[in-house]
Amino acid sequence: MVPMTSELENPFLSREGVERIARLARLHLAPGEADGLAPKLEHVLSHIERIAEIPDADLPEPEAPPATPLRADRPVAGEGREELARNAAVTSHGLVPVPRVVDSGR
């Protein structure tokens, strides 16, 4: 059960902090939802901190992943720019315009 306290240990997880995280993640929060999420996020972070306190000597040795056979790395002829541009819905000056991903936050 998540303890619901009015004071959070981590000031980053204030209502304003949760709203900022949501805005950066492009998540829409309903009015008042940030107040309920702050204690829950604090609870999750406290568990992560407890896990980080486990000494490395107490952790099991990681297992090696199974070997993946690799193919020889040989150059091959690729498609030309014009051929690839035919698959794009829109091109501009030989390039494929895409929506902006990073927002300045202004």
Protein backbone atom coordinates (compact mmCIF):
# COMPACT_ATOMS: atom_id res chain seq x y z
CA MET A 1 0.00 0.00 0.00
CA VAL A 2 1.35 3.42 -0.94
CA PRO A 3 1.57 5.71 2.07
CA MET A 4 -0.36 8.87 1.31
CA THR A 5 1.47 11.67 3.06
CA SER A 6 1.13 15.37 2.54
CA GLU A 7 4.91 15.90 2.67
CA LEU A 8 7.07 14.08 0.20
CA GLU A 9 10.70 13.25 0.91
CA ASN A 10 11.74 14.20 -2.61
CA PRO A 11 10.82 17.79 -3.53
CA PHE A 12 11.20 16.89 -7.22
CA LEU A 13 8.02 14.86 -6.84
CA SER A 14 5.88 17.75 -5.78
CA ARG A 15 2.72 18.34 -7.77
CA GLU A 16 4.67 20.76 -9.97
CA GLY A 17 7.44 18.20 -10.46
CA VAL A 18 4.97 15.52 -11.52
CA GLU A 19 3.29 17.96 -13.90
CA ARG A 20 6.68 18.83 -15.40
CA ILE A 21 7.55 15.13 -15.86
CA ALA A 22 4.16 14.53 -17.48
CA ARG A 23 4.64 17.52 -19.80
CA LEU A 24 8.10 16.28 -20.83
CA ALA A 25 6.65 12.81 -21.47
CA ARG A 26 3.77 14.44 -23.35
CA LEU A 27 1.24 12.85 -21.01
CA HIS A 28 -2.08 14.48 -20.32
CA LEU A 29 -3.05 14.52 -16.65
CA ALA A 30 -6.58 15.20 -15.53
CA PRO A 31 -6.98 18.08 -13.07
CA GLY A 32 -5.81 16.93 -9.65
CA GLU A 33 -4.25 13.73 -10.98
CA ALA A 34 -0.69 14.95 -10.27
CA ASP A 35 -1.46 15.17 -6.55
CA GLY A 36 -2.30 11.47 -6.48
CA LEU A 37 0.69 10.44 -8.59
CA ALA A 38 3.36 12.19 -6.54
CA PRO A 39 3.17 9.81 -3.53
CA LYS A 40 3.03 6.78 -5.81
CA LEU A 41 6.12 7.87 -7.72
CA GLU A 42 7.88 8.56 -4.42
CA HIS A 43 7.03 5.00 -3.34
CA VAL A 44 8.47 3.54 -6.57
CA LEU A 45 11.65 5.60 -6.22
CA SER A 46 12.10 4.46 -2.62
CA HIS A 47 12.03 0.83 -3.83
CA ILE A 48 14.61 1.62 -6.50
CA GLU A 49 16.83 3.24 -3.86
CA ARG A 50 16.54 0.12 -1.68
CA ILE A 51 17.56 -2.08 -4.60
CA ALA A 52 20.53 0.21 -5.32
CA GLU A 53 21.73 -0.32 -1.73
CA ILE A 54 22.28 -4.06 -2.27
CA PRO A 55 26.05 -4.70 -2.27
CA ASP A 56 27.40 -5.95 -5.57
CA ALA A 57 28.86 -8.99 -3.81
CA ASP A 58 25.32 -10.12 -2.90
CA LEU A 59 24.11 -10.02 -6.50
CA PRO A 60 24.15 -13.16 -8.64
CA GLU A 61 26.65 -13.34 -11.47
CA PRO A 62 25.02 -12.31 -14.75
CA GLU A 63 24.63 -15.05 -17.29
CA ALA A 64 26.10 -14.63 -20.72
CA PRO A 65 23.49 -14.39 -23.46
CA PRO A 66 23.37 -17.29 -25.89
CA ALA A 67 25.81 -16.91 -28.75
CA THR A 68 24.28 -15.49 -31.90
CA PRO A 69 25.83 -16.65 -35.14
CA LEU A 70 27.04 -13.67 -37.14
CA ARG A 71 27.09 -13.40 -40.87
CA ALA A 72 30.07 -12.08 -42.74
CA ASP A 73 30.00 -8.31 -43.06
CA ARG A 74 30.19 -7.70 -46.79
CA PRO A 75 29.23 -4.47 -48.55
CA VAL A 76 26.27 -4.73 -50.90
CA ALA A 77 24.85 -2.26 -53.35
CA GLY A 78 22.01 -0.24 -51.83
CA GLU A 79 19.05 1.42 -53.38
CA GLY A 80 19.52 4.83 -54.92
CA ARG A 81 18.10 7.97 -53.30
CA GLU A 82 15.40 8.31 -55.97
CA GLU A 83 14.32 4.69 -55.52
CA LEU A 84 14.01 5.11 -51.75
CA ALA A 85 12.18 8.44 -52.09
CA ARG A 86 9.43 6.71 -54.11
CA ASN A 87 8.33 4.97 -50.88
CA ALA A 88 7.89 8.26 -49.01
CA ALA A 89 4.49 9.93 -48.89
CA VAL A 90 6.08 13.38 -49.23
CA THR A 91 9.54 14.59 -50.23
CA SER A 92 11.07 18.04 -50.17
CA HIS A 93 14.31 18.81 -52.00
CA GLY A 94 15.18 15.12 -52.07
CA LEU A 95 14.57 14.67 -48.33
CA VAL A 96 11.70 13.15 -46.36
CA PRO A 97 10.22 15.71 -43.92
CA VAL A 98 9.23 14.29 -40.52
CA PRO A 99 7.39 15.84 -37.55
CA ARG A 100 9.52 17.59 -34.96
CA VAL A 101 10.23 15.26 -32.02
CA VAL A 102 12.08 17.51 -29.61
CA ASP A 103 10.12 20.49 -28.36
CA SER A 104 11.76 23.55 -26.84
CA GLY A 105 8.93 23.75 -24.27
CA ARG A 106 8.04 27.30 -25.18
